[in-house]
Amino acid sequence: MSARHPIISVTGSSGAGTTSVRNTFEQIFRREDVSAVYIEGDGFHAFDRDTMRAMMAHEPTLSHFAPRANLLPELEEVFRNYSESGTGRTRHYAHDDGDAARYGVPVGSFTPWEPFQPGSDLLFYEGLHGCVVDNNVDLARYPDLKIGVVPVINLEWIQKLHRDRSTRGYSTEAVTDVILRRMPDYVQTICPQFSWTDINFQRVPTVDTSNPFIARWIPTADESMVVIRFKDPKGIDFSYLVSMIHDSFMSRANSIVIPGGKLDLAMQLILTPIIMQLVERRRRLA
């Protein structure tokens, strides 16, 4: 953790909704005139698409959830360098034709490494591994604010199935195979990270999602509730949040439940003061 060069990490599984959370952070950054540099977790995959497919043919359980399929020591080095000096580097991964056109590289490959723009207020990470702690790395020690995005698992699978079929052209069978392949690393690598996060946002559908593999659509925000859990509730004004967010209530001493359609408002109310505290502390020391 660093007062001069704060880091925010948003961690979630594939299909969890981390991109939507990133959009909310970007709105706050624009409104509050915060200059951020970004890391997309995909940029720290260890292998391009062709190499990964060749490796998976020989390793049935290998997936992008696995630490060995990612450059986690290099990511930890970037976190450490940024926290110490505000410097670092990143790259982008081209998932589809749109990314390939945007970045000027073939689909399934990476852009060259590029250094961060100097003078940023904070580093924002969004990906699968923002809080991994194992025998090789300790990524959770560096971020000043750690966010977990954790839908209940059937909803997470529905979101992944719909996204991969609609935007990446995969069949239901192909996505199901990916889900099965990832289960060991989901249990061993993804889930433990949410014990390290400061705030978890867990979306819970209020409609039947018993068989996610035949669901025709993703439950809407109005068909969901969101459980927001604070690791350390000290200083959180729950009475203010309940008064500002209609139909919300406290379910535990460190948790508040809100209607799904109020998630953006809740994030703005909860995260804006925390972000501004980090930024103002940094600016005082600059």
C-alpha atoms as a PDB file:
ATOM      1  CA  MET A   1       0.000   0.000   0.000  1.00  0.00           C
ATOM      2  CA  SER A   2       1.220   3.462  -0.879  1.00  0.00           C
ATOM      3  CA  ALA A   3       0.066   6.938   0.113  1.00  0.00           C
ATOM      4  CA  ARG A   4       1.936   8.546  -2.810  1.00  0.00           C
ATOM      5  CA  HIS A   5       0.917   6.064  -5.502  1.00  0.00           C
ATOM      6  CA  PRO A   6      -2.361   4.314  -4.588  1.00  0.00           C
ATOM      7  CA  ILE A   7      -3.632   1.210  -6.378  1.00  0.00           C
ATOM      8  CA  ILE A   8      -7.233   0.042  -6.813  1.00  0.00           C
ATOM      9  CA  SER A   9      -7.883  -3.559  -7.868  1.00  0.00           C
ATOM     10  CA  VAL A  10     -11.192  -4.961  -9.092  1.00  0.00           C
ATOM     11  CA  THR A  11     -11.152  -8.750  -9.122  1.00  0.00           C
ATOM     12  CA  GLY A  12     -13.770 -11.060 -10.577  1.00  0.00           C
ATOM     13  CA  SER A  13     -14.182 -14.211 -12.590  1.00  0.00           C
ATOM     14  CA  SER A  14     -14.859 -14.236 -16.329  1.00  0.00           C
ATOM     15  CA  GLY A  15     -18.459 -13.094 -16.760  1.00  0.00           C
ATOM     16  CA  ALA A  16     -18.719 -11.649 -13.257  1.00  0.00           C
ATOM     17  CA  GLY A  17     -19.355  -8.094 -14.422  1.00  0.00           C
ATOM     18  CA  THR A  18     -16.042  -6.406 -13.628  1.00  0.00           C
ATOM     19  CA  THR A  19     -16.255  -4.328 -16.820  1.00  0.00           C
ATOM     20  CA  SER A  20     -19.499  -2.705 -15.618  1.00  0.00           C
ATOM     21  CA  VAL A  21     -17.818  -1.911 -12.312  1.00  0.00           C
ATOM     22  CA  ARG A  22     -14.886  -0.400 -14.187  1.00  0.00           C
ATOM     23  CA  ASN A  23     -17.317   1.860 -16.062  1.00  0.00           C
ATOM     24  CA  THR A  24     -18.613   3.191 -12.744  1.00  0.00           C
ATOM     25  CA  PHE A  25     -15.055   3.888 -11.561  1.00  0.00           C
ATOM     26  CA  GLU A  26     -14.348   5.732 -14.812  1.00  0.00           C
ATOM     27  CA  GLN A  27     -17.408   7.928 -14.246  1.00  0.00           C
ATOM     28  CA  ILE A  28     -16.123   8.816 -10.789  1.00  0.00           C
ATOM     29  CA  PHE A  29     -12.633   9.509 -12.150  1.00  0.00           C
ATOM     30  CA  ARG A  30     -14.023  11.875 -14.819  1.00  0.00           C
ATOM     31  CA  ARG A  31     -16.335  13.694 -12.430  1.00  0.00           C
ATOM     32  CA  GLU A  32     -13.664  14.148  -9.755  1.00  0.00           C
ATOM     33  CA  ASP A  33     -10.836  14.909 -12.212  1.00  0.00           C
ATOM     34  CA  VAL A  34      -8.782  11.866 -11.206  1.00  0.00           C
ATOM     35  CA  SER A  35      -6.002  10.778 -13.581  1.00  0.00           C
ATOM     36  CA  ALA A  36      -5.754   6.962 -13.655  1.00  0.00           C
ATOM     37  CA  VAL A  37      -3.597   4.460 -15.503  1.00  0.00           C
ATOM     38  CA  TYR A  38      -5.162   1.094 -16.250  1.00  0.00           C
ATOM     39  CA  ILE A  39      -4.201  -2.561 -16.296  1.00  0.00           C
ATOM     40  CA  GLU A  40      -6.462  -5.100 -17.959  1.00  0.00           C
ATOM     41  CA  GLY A  41      -5.757  -8.508 -16.481  1.00  0.00           C
ATOM     42  CA  ASP A  42      -5.917 -10.138 -19.938  1.00  0.00           C
ATOM     43  CA  GLY A  43      -2.724  -8.302 -20.830  1.00  0.00           C
ATOM     44  CA  PHE A  44      -0.879 -10.444 -18.290  1.00  0.00           C
ATOM     45  CA  HIS A  45      -1.881 -13.788 -19.757  1.00  0.00           C
ATOM     46  CA  ALA A  46       1.285 -15.765 -20.362  1.00  0.00           C
ATOM     47  CA  PHE A  47       0.378 -17.138 -23.807  1.00  0.00           C
ATOM     48  CA  ASP A  48      -1.306 -15.975 -26.987  1.00  0.00           C
ATOM     49  CA  ARG A  49      -4.421 -17.806 -28.178  1.00  0.00           C
ATOM     50  CA  ASP A  50      -2.724 -20.297 -30.499  1.00  0.00           C
ATOM     51  CA  THR A  51      -0.115 -21.276 -27.916  1.00  0.00           C
ATOM     52  CA  MET A  52      -2.761 -21.601 -25.203  1.00  0.00           C
ATOM     53  CA  ARG A  53      -4.909 -23.861 -27.359  1.00  0.00           C
ATOM     54  CA  ALA A  54      -1.934 -26.083 -28.138  1.00  0.00           C
ATOM     55  CA  MET A  55      -1.102 -26.360 -24.432  1.00  0.00           C
ATOM     56  CA  MET A  56      -4.709 -27.105 -23.445  1.00  0.00           C
ATOM     57  CA  ALA A  57      -4.765 -30.012 -25.879  1.00  0.00           C
ATOM     58  CA  HIS A  58      -2.181 -31.697 -23.643  1.00  0.00           C
ATOM     59  CA  GLU A  59      -3.378 -30.363 -20.261  1.00  0.00           C
ATOM     60  CA  PRO A  60      -7.138 -30.930 -19.852  1.00  0.00           C
ATOM     61  CA  THR A  61      -7.490 -28.670 -16.787  1.00  0.00           C
ATOM     62  CA  LEU A  62      -5.315 -25.762 -17.937  1.00  0.00           C
ATOM     63  CA  SER A  63      -7.218 -22.472 -18.110  1.00  0.00           C
ATOM     64  CA  HIS A  64      -6.638 -18.730 -17.891  1.00  0.00           C
ATOM     65  CA  PHE A  65      -7.678 -18.957 -14.238  1.00  0.00           C
ATOM     66  CA  ALA A  66      -4.492 -20.901 -13.472  1.00  0.00           C
ATOM     67  CA  PRO A  67      -1.522 -18.962 -12.077  1.00  0.00           C
ATOM     68  CA  ARG A  68       0.836 -20.785 -14.468  1.00  0.00           C
ATOM     69  CA  ALA A  69      -1.132 -19.406 -17.433  1.00  0.00           C
ATOM     70  CA  ASN A  70      -0.496 -15.821 -16.315  1.00  0.00           C
ATOM     71  CA  LEU A  71       2.458 -13.549 -15.664  1.00  0.00           C
ATOM     72  CA  LEU A  72       1.664 -13.062 -11.991  1.00  0.00           C
ATOM     73  CA  PRO A  73       5.266 -12.376 -10.849  1.00  0.00           C
ATOM     74  CA  GLU A  74       5.464  -9.688 -13.541  1.00  0.00           C
ATOM     75  CA  LEU A  75       2.102  -8.259 -12.394  1.00  0.00           C
ATOM     76  CA  GLU A  76       3.364  -8.186  -8.817  1.00  0.00           C
ATOM     77  CA  GLU A  77       6.469  -6.339 -10.024  1.00  0.00           C
ATOM     78  CA  VAL A  78       4.271  -3.730 -11.724  1.00  0.00           C
ATOM     79  CA  PHE A  79       2.214  -3.307  -8.544  1.00  0.00           C
ATOM     80  CA  ARG A  80       5.407  -2.937  -6.502  1.00  0.00           C
ATOM     81  CA  ASN A  81       7.020  -0.469  -8.918  1.00  0.00           C
ATOM     82  CA  TYR A  82       3.901   1.645  -9.116  1.00  0.00           C
ATOM     83  CA  SER A  83       3.477   1.748  -5.353  1.00  0.00           C
ATOM     84  CA  GLU A  84       7.096   2.849  -4.971  1.00  0.00           C
ATOM     85  CA  SER A  85       7.570   5.249  -7.871  1.00  0.00           C
ATOM     86  CA  GLY A  86       4.350   5.572  -9.885  1.00  0.00           C
ATOM     87  CA  THR A  87       5.897   3.717 -12.837  1.00  0.00           C
ATOM     88  CA  GLY A  88       5.090   0.473 -14.585  1.00  0.00           C
ATOM     89  CA  ARG A  89       4.051  -1.059 -17.870  1.00  0.00           C
ATOM     90  CA  THR A  90       1.157  -2.934 -19.424  1.00  0.00           C
ATOM     91  CA  ARG A  91      -0.132  -4.316 -22.711  1.00  0.00           C
ATOM     92  CA  HIS A  92      -3.458  -5.304 -24.281  1.00  0.00           C
ATOM     93  CA  TYR A  93      -4.891  -8.608 -25.521  1.00  0.00           C
ATOM     94  CA  ALA A  94      -7.008  -8.660 -28.701  1.00  0.00           C
ATOM     95  CA  HIS A  95     -10.064 -10.818 -27.988  1.00  0.00           C
ATOM     96  CA  ASP A  96     -11.905 -10.178 -31.241  1.00  0.00           C
ATOM     97  CA  ASP A  97     -11.881  -8.261 -34.518  1.00  0.00           C
ATOM     98  CA  GLY A  98     -12.835  -5.030 -32.765  1.00  0.00           C
ATOM     99  CA  ASP A  99      -9.874  -5.275 -30.408  1.00  0.00           C
ATOM    100  CA  ALA A 100      -7.596  -6.270 -33.299  1.00  0.00           C
ATOM    101  CA  ALA A 101      -8.592  -3.174 -35.265  1.00  0.00           C
ATOM    102  CA  ARG A 102      -8.241  -0.938 -32.201  1.00  0.00           C
ATOM    103  CA  TYR A 103      -4.805  -2.211 -31.208  1.00  0.00           C
ATOM    104  CA  GLY A 104      -3.409  -3.083 -34.633  1.00  0.00           C
ATOM    105  CA  VAL A 105      -2.514  -6.691 -33.802  1.00  0.00           C
ATOM    106  CA  PRO A 106      -4.000 -10.057 -34.866  1.00  0.00           C
ATOM    107  CA  VAL A 107      -6.886 -11.558 -32.911  1.00  0.00           C
ATOM    108  CA  GLY A 108      -5.599 -13.651 -30.001  1.00  0.00           C
ATOM    109  CA  SER A 109      -2.287 -11.804 -29.673  1.00  0.00           C
ATOM    110  CA  PHE A 110      -0.824  -9.039 -27.527  1.00  0.00           C
ATOM    111  CA  THR A 111       0.251  -5.479 -28.151  1.00  0.00           C
ATOM    112  CA  PRO A 112       3.852  -4.558 -27.289  1.00  0.00           C
ATOM    113  CA  TRP A 113       4.551  -3.566 -23.689  1.00  0.00           C
ATOM    114  CA  GLU A 114       4.110   0.160 -23.060  1.00  0.00           C
ATOM    115  CA  PRO A 115       5.096   2.262 -20.019  1.00  0.00           C
ATOM    116  CA  PHE A 116       2.448   4.080 -17.985  1.00  0.00           C
ATOM    117  CA  GLN A 117       1.875   7.738 -18.663  1.00  0.00           C
ATOM    118  CA  PRO A 118       3.681   9.756 -15.957  1.00  0.00           C
ATOM    119  CA  GLY A 119       1.874  11.898 -13.410  1.00  0.00           C
ATOM    120  CA  SER A 120      -1.111   9.637 -12.694  1.00  0.00           C
ATOM    121  CA  ASP A 121      -3.112   9.866  -9.464  1.00  0.00           C
ATOM    122  CA  LEU A 122      -3.650   6.109  -9.155  1.00  0.00           C
ATOM    123  CA  LEU A 123      -3.394   2.705 -10.831  1.00  0.00           C
ATOM    124  CA  PHE A 124      -6.596   0.816 -11.618  1.00  0.00           C
ATOM    125  CA  TYR A 125      -6.461  -2.967 -12.189  1.00  0.00           C
ATOM    126  CA  GLU A 126      -9.377  -5.020 -13.485  1.00  0.00           C
ATOM    127  CA  GLY A 127      -9.032  -8.762 -13.988  1.00  0.00           C
ATOM    128  CA  LEU A 128      -8.944 -12.267 -12.568  1.00  0.00           C
ATOM    129  CA  HIS A 129      -5.968 -12.102 -10.235  1.00  0.00           C
ATOM    130  CA  GLY A 130      -5.844  -8.786  -8.381  1.00  0.00           C
ATOM    131  CA  CYS A 131      -5.628 -10.415  -4.934  1.00  0.00           C
ATOM    132  CA  VAL A 132      -3.783 -13.699  -5.492  1.00  0.00           C
ATOM    133  CA  VAL A 133      -1.731 -14.834  -2.512  1.00  0.00           C
ATOM    134  CA  ASP A 134       0.212 -18.075  -2.890  1.00  0.00           C
ATOM    135  CA  ASN A 135       3.724 -19.465  -2.480  1.00  0.00           C
ATOM    136  CA  ASN A 136       5.011 -17.371  -5.389  1.00  0.00           C
ATOM    137  CA  VAL A 137       3.256 -13.999  -5.212  1.00  0.00           C
ATOM    138  CA  ASP A 138       1.404 -11.726  -2.809  1.00  0.00           C
ATOM    139  CA  LEU A 139      -0.629  -9.370  -4.974  1.00  0.00           C
ATOM    140  CA  ALA A 140      -3.082  -8.474  -2.191  1.00  0.00           C
ATOM    141  CA  ARG A 141      -0.446  -6.551  -0.218  1.00  0.00           C
ATOM    142  CA  TYR A 142      -0.174  -3.687  -2.732  1.00  0.00           C
ATOM    143  CA  PRO A 143      -3.677  -2.333  -3.563  1.00  0.00           C
ATOM    144  CA  ASP A 144      -5.056   0.340  -1.254  1.00  0.00           C
ATOM    145  CA  LEU A 145      -8.623  -0.554  -2.215  1.00  0.00           C
ATOM    146  CA  LYS A 146      -9.559  -4.112  -3.196  1.00  0.00           C
ATOM    147  CA  ILE A 147     -12.979  -4.753  -4.756  1.00  0.00           C
ATOM    148  CA  GLY A 148     -14.497  -8.175  -5.422  1.00  0.00           C
ATOM    149  CA  VAL A 149     -17.241  -8.684  -8.016  1.00  0.00           C
ATOM    150  CA  VAL A 150     -18.846 -12.026  -7.230  1.00  0.00           C
ATOM    151  CA  PRO A 151     -22.266 -12.997  -8.648  1.00  0.00           C
ATOM    152  CA  VAL A 152     -23.733 -16.240  -7.353  1.00  0.00           C
ATOM    153  CA  ILE A 153     -22.260 -18.955  -9.501  1.00  0.00           C
ATOM    154  CA  ASN A 154     -25.275 -19.845 -11.674  1.00  0.00           C
ATOM    155  CA  LEU A 155     -25.719 -16.175 -12.570  1.00  0.00           C
ATOM    156  CA  GLU A 156     -22.017 -15.883 -13.312  1.00  0.00           C
ATOM    157  CA  TRP A 157     -22.286 -18.824 -15.718  1.00  0.00           C
ATOM    158  CA  ILE A 158     -25.366 -17.364 -17.411  1.00  0.00           C
ATOM    159  CA  GLN A 159     -23.536 -14.075 -17.953  1.00  0.00           C
ATOM    160  CA  LYS A 160     -20.485 -15.870 -19.333  1.00  0.00           C
ATOM    161  CA  LEU A 161     -22.556 -18.070 -21.643  1.00  0.00           C
ATOM    162  CA  HIS A 162     -24.418 -15.107 -23.098  1.00  0.00           C
ATOM    163  CA  ARG A 163     -21.326 -12.925 -23.463  1.00  0.00           C
ATOM    164  CA  ASP A 164     -19.171 -15.583 -25.110  1.00  0.00           C
ATOM    165  CA  ARG A 165     -21.922 -16.651 -27.497  1.00  0.00           C
ATOM    166  CA  SER A 166     -22.987 -13.139 -28.485  1.00  0.00           C
ATOM    167  CA  THR A 167     -19.664 -11.281 -28.628  1.00  0.00           C
ATOM    168  CA  ARG A 168     -17.079 -14.017 -29.168  1.00  0.00           C
ATOM    169  CA  GLY A 169     -19.000 -16.449 -31.370  1.00  0.00           C
ATOM    170  CA  TYR A 170     -18.635 -19.529 -29.163  1.00  0.00           C
ATOM    171  CA  SER A 171     -21.210 -22.326 -29.000  1.00  0.00           C
ATOM    172  CA  THR A 172     -22.929 -23.322 -25.760  1.00  0.00           C
ATOM    173  CA  GLU A 173     -20.947 -26.568 -25.794  1.00  0.00           C
ATOM    174  CA  ALA A 174     -17.639 -24.719 -26.154  1.00  0.00           C
ATOM    175  CA  VAL A 175     -18.424 -22.348 -23.270  1.00  0.00           C
ATOM    176  CA  THR A 176     -19.577 -25.259 -21.098  1.00  0.00           C
ATOM    177  CA  ASP A 177     -16.274 -27.007 -21.764  1.00  0.00           C
ATOM    178  CA  VAL A 178     -14.407 -23.887 -20.675  1.00  0.00           C
ATOM    179  CA  ILE A 179     -16.431 -23.697 -17.445  1.00  0.00           C
ATOM    180  CA  LEU A 180     -15.686 -27.343 -16.633  1.00  0.00           C
ATOM    181  CA  ARG A 181     -12.007 -26.913 -17.451  1.00  0.00           C
ATOM    182  CA  ARG A 182     -11.748 -23.928 -15.126  1.00  0.00           C
ATOM    183  CA  MET A 183     -13.425 -25.409 -12.050  1.00  0.00           C
ATOM    184  CA  PRO A 184     -10.269 -26.575 -10.205  1.00  0.00           C
ATOM    185  CA  ASP A 185      -8.632 -23.163 -10.593  1.00  0.00           C
ATOM    186  CA  TYR A 186     -11.898 -21.392  -9.822  1.00  0.00           C
ATOM    187  CA  VAL A 187     -11.946 -23.144  -6.450  1.00  0.00           C
ATOM    188  CA  GLN A 188      -8.218 -22.894  -5.737  1.00  0.00           C
ATOM    189  CA  THR A 189      -7.300 -19.502  -7.223  1.00  0.00           C
ATOM    190  CA  ILE A 190     -10.362 -17.306  -7.837  1.00  0.00           C
ATOM    191  CA  CYS A 191     -12.507 -17.876  -4.729  1.00  0.00           C
ATOM    192  CA  PRO A 192      -9.755 -17.405  -2.083  1.00  0.00           C
ATOM    193  CA  GLN A 193      -9.116 -13.871  -3.345  1.00  0.00           C
ATOM    194  CA  PHE A 194     -12.480 -12.672  -2.045  1.00  0.00           C
ATOM    195  CA  SER A 195     -11.295 -13.191   1.507  1.00  0.00           C
ATOM    196  CA  TRP A 196      -8.682 -10.476   0.880  1.00  0.00           C
ATOM    197  CA  THR A 197     -10.976  -7.887  -0.712  1.00  0.00           C
ATOM    198  CA  ASP A 198     -12.147  -4.808   1.189  1.00  0.00           C
ATOM    199  CA  ILE A 199     -15.620  -4.700  -0.399  1.00  0.00           C
ATOM    200  CA  ASN A 200     -17.463  -7.464  -2.231  1.00  0.00           C
ATOM    201  CA  PHE A 201     -20.432  -6.870  -4.535  1.00  0.00           C
ATOM    202  CA  GLN A 202     -22.440 -10.081  -4.940  1.00  0.00           C
ATOM    203  CA  ARG A 203     -25.404 -10.028  -7.301  1.00  0.00           C
ATOM    204  CA  VAL A 204     -28.171 -12.505  -6.434  1.00  0.00           C
ATOM    205  CA  PRO A 205     -31.017 -13.195  -8.909  1.00  0.00           C
ATOM    206  CA  THR A 206     -34.596 -13.301  -7.639  1.00  0.00           C
ATOM    207  CA  VAL A 207     -35.712 -15.489 -10.567  1.00  0.00           C
ATOM    208  CA  ASP A 208     -35.058 -19.148 -11.296  1.00  0.00           C
ATOM    209  CA  THR A 209     -31.521 -19.777 -12.591  1.00  0.00           C
ATOM    210  CA  SER A 210     -31.442 -23.478 -11.705  1.00  0.00           C
ATOM    211  CA  ASN A 211     -30.134 -24.539 -15.118  1.00  0.00           C
ATOM    212  CA  PRO A 212     -27.874 -21.759 -16.420  1.00  0.00           C
ATOM    213  CA  PHE A 213     -27.049 -23.701 -19.586  1.00  0.00           C
ATOM    214  CA  ILE A 214     -30.555 -23.325 -21.022  1.00  0.00           C
ATOM    215  CA  ALA A 215     -31.311 -19.799 -19.762  1.00  0.00           C
ATOM    216  CA  ARG A 216     -32.570 -17.652 -22.621  1.00  0.00           C
ATOM    217  CA  TRP A 217     -31.599 -14.337 -21.096  1.00  0.00           C
ATOM    218  CA  ILE A 218     -29.620 -12.818 -18.264  1.00  0.00           C
ATOM    219  CA  PRO A 219     -31.717 -11.792 -15.235  1.00  0.00           C
ATOM    220  CA  THR A 220     -32.168  -8.031 -15.338  1.00  0.00           C
ATOM    221  CA  ALA A 221     -31.074  -5.628 -12.622  1.00  0.00           C
ATOM    222  CA  ASP A 222     -34.705  -5.402 -11.461  1.00  0.00           C
ATOM    223  CA  GLU A 223     -34.722  -9.196 -11.109  1.00  0.00           C
ATOM    224  CA  SER A 224     -31.715  -9.122  -8.772  1.00  0.00           C
ATOM    225  CA  MET A 225     -30.521  -8.008  -5.384  1.00  0.00           C
ATOM    226  CA  VAL A 226     -26.928  -7.108  -4.557  1.00  0.00           C
ATOM    227  CA  VAL A 227     -25.224  -8.011  -1.291  1.00  0.00           C
ATOM    228  CA  ILE A 228     -22.437  -5.558  -0.422  1.00  0.00           C
ATOM    229  CA  ARG A 229     -20.017  -6.865   2.212  1.00  0.00           C
ATOM    230  CA  PHE A 230     -17.405  -4.683   3.937  1.00  0.00           C
ATOM    231  CA  LYS A 231     -14.353  -6.427   5.381  1.00  0.00           C
ATOM    232  CA  ASP A 232     -13.953  -3.652   7.953  1.00  0.00           C
ATOM    233  CA  PRO A 233     -17.268  -1.832   8.520  1.00  0.00           C
ATOM    234  CA  LYS A 234     -15.689   0.739  10.843  1.00  0.00           C
ATOM    235  CA  GLY A 235     -16.398   4.184   9.448  1.00  0.00           C
ATOM    236  CA  ILE A 236     -19.137   3.027   7.049  1.00  0.00           C
ATOM    237  CA  ASP A 237     -22.330   5.047   7.633  1.00  0.00           C
ATOM    238  CA  PHE A 238     -24.884   2.294   7.077  1.00  0.00           C
ATOM    239  CA  SER A 239     -27.810   4.441   8.244  1.00  0.00           C
ATOM    240  CA  TYR A 240     -26.934   7.010   5.558  1.00  0.00           C
ATOM    241  CA  LEU A 241     -26.703   4.330   2.858  1.00  0.00           C
ATOM    242  CA  VAL A 242     -30.032   2.759   3.875  1.00  0.00           C
ATOM    243  CA  SER A 243     -31.692   6.192   3.839  1.00  0.00           C
ATOM    244  CA  MET A 244     -30.260   7.060   0.409  1.00  0.00           C
ATOM    245  CA  ILE A 245     -30.895   3.704  -1.306  1.00  0.00           C
ATOM    246  CA  HIS A 246     -34.594   2.899  -1.426  1.00  0.00           C
ATOM    247  CA  ASP A 247     -35.590  -0.624  -0.321  1.00  0.00           C
ATOM    248  CA  SER A 248     -32.099  -1.413   1.004  1.00  0.00           C
ATOM    249  CA  PHE A 249     -31.509  -3.061   4.373  1.00  0.00           C
ATOM    250  CA  MET A 250     -28.707  -4.429   6.538  1.00  0.00           C
ATOM    251  CA  SER A 251     -28.467  -8.231   6.610  1.00  0.00           C
ATOM    252  CA  ARG A 252     -25.437  -8.416   8.895  1.00  0.00           C
ATOM    253  CA  ALA A 253     -23.314  -5.963  10.848  1.00  0.00           C
ATOM    254  CA  ASN A 254     -20.958  -5.651   7.864  1.00  0.00           C
ATOM    255  CA  SER A 255     -23.389  -6.150   4.964  1.00  0.00           C
ATOM    256  CA  ILE A 256     -26.093  -4.192   3.180  1.00  0.00           C
ATOM    257  CA  VAL A 257     -28.551  -5.558   0.598  1.00  0.00           C
ATOM    258  CA  ILE A 258     -29.784  -3.306  -2.194  1.00  0.00           C
ATOM    259  CA  PRO A 259     -32.067  -3.678  -5.239  1.00  0.00           C
ATOM    260  CA  GLY A 260     -30.038  -4.608  -8.336  1.00  0.00           C
ATOM    261  CA  GLY A 261     -31.108  -1.458 -10.143  1.00  0.00           C
ATOM    262  CA  LYS A 262     -29.486   0.676  -7.437  1.00  0.00           C
ATOM    263  CA  LEU A 263     -25.988  -0.791  -7.824  1.00  0.00           C
ATOM    264  CA  ASP A 264     -24.535   2.188  -9.699  1.00  0.00           C
ATOM    265  CA  LEU A 265     -25.918   4.632  -7.110  1.00  0.00           C
ATOM    266  CA  ALA A 266     -24.601   2.491  -4.257  1.00  0.00           C
ATOM    267  CA  MET A 267     -21.148   2.299  -5.807  1.00  0.00           C
ATOM    268  CA  GLN A 268     -21.075   6.056  -6.315  1.00  0.00           C
ATOM    269  CA  LEU A 269     -22.073   6.690  -2.695  1.00  0.00           C
ATOM    270  CA  ILE A 270     -19.650   4.133  -1.248  1.00  0.00           C
ATOM    271  CA  LEU A 271     -16.630   4.488  -3.515  1.00  0.00           C
ATOM    272  CA  THR A 272     -16.427   8.228  -4.254  1.00  0.00           C
ATOM    273  CA  PRO A 273     -15.377   9.227  -0.707  1.00  0.00           C
ATOM    274  CA  ILE A 274     -12.850   6.371  -0.537  1.00  0.00           C
ATOM    275  CA  ILE A 275     -11.314   7.288  -3.899  1.00  0.00           C
ATOM    276  CA  MET A 276     -11.130  10.966  -3.016  1.00  0.00           C
ATOM    277  CA  GLN A 277      -9.480  10.151   0.322  1.00  0.00           C
ATOM    278  CA  LEU A 278      -6.771   8.202  -1.535  1.00  0.00           C
ATOM    279  CA  VAL A 279      -6.289  10.946  -4.137  1.00  0.00           C
ATOM    280  CA  GLU A 280      -6.272  13.846  -1.695  1.00  0.00           C
ATOM    281  CA  ARG A 281      -3.729  12.074   0.510  1.00  0.00           C
ATOM    282  CA  ARG A 282      -1.538  11.494  -2.551  1.00  0.00           C
ATOM    283  CA  ARG A 283      -1.820  15.127  -3.666  1.00  0.00           C
ATOM    284  CA  ARG A 284      -0.856  16.414  -0.231  1.00  0.00           C
ATOM    285  CA  LEU A 285       2.339  14.365  -0.394  1.00  0.00           C
ATOM    286  CA  ALA A 286       3.187  15.105  -4.023  1.00  0.00           C
END
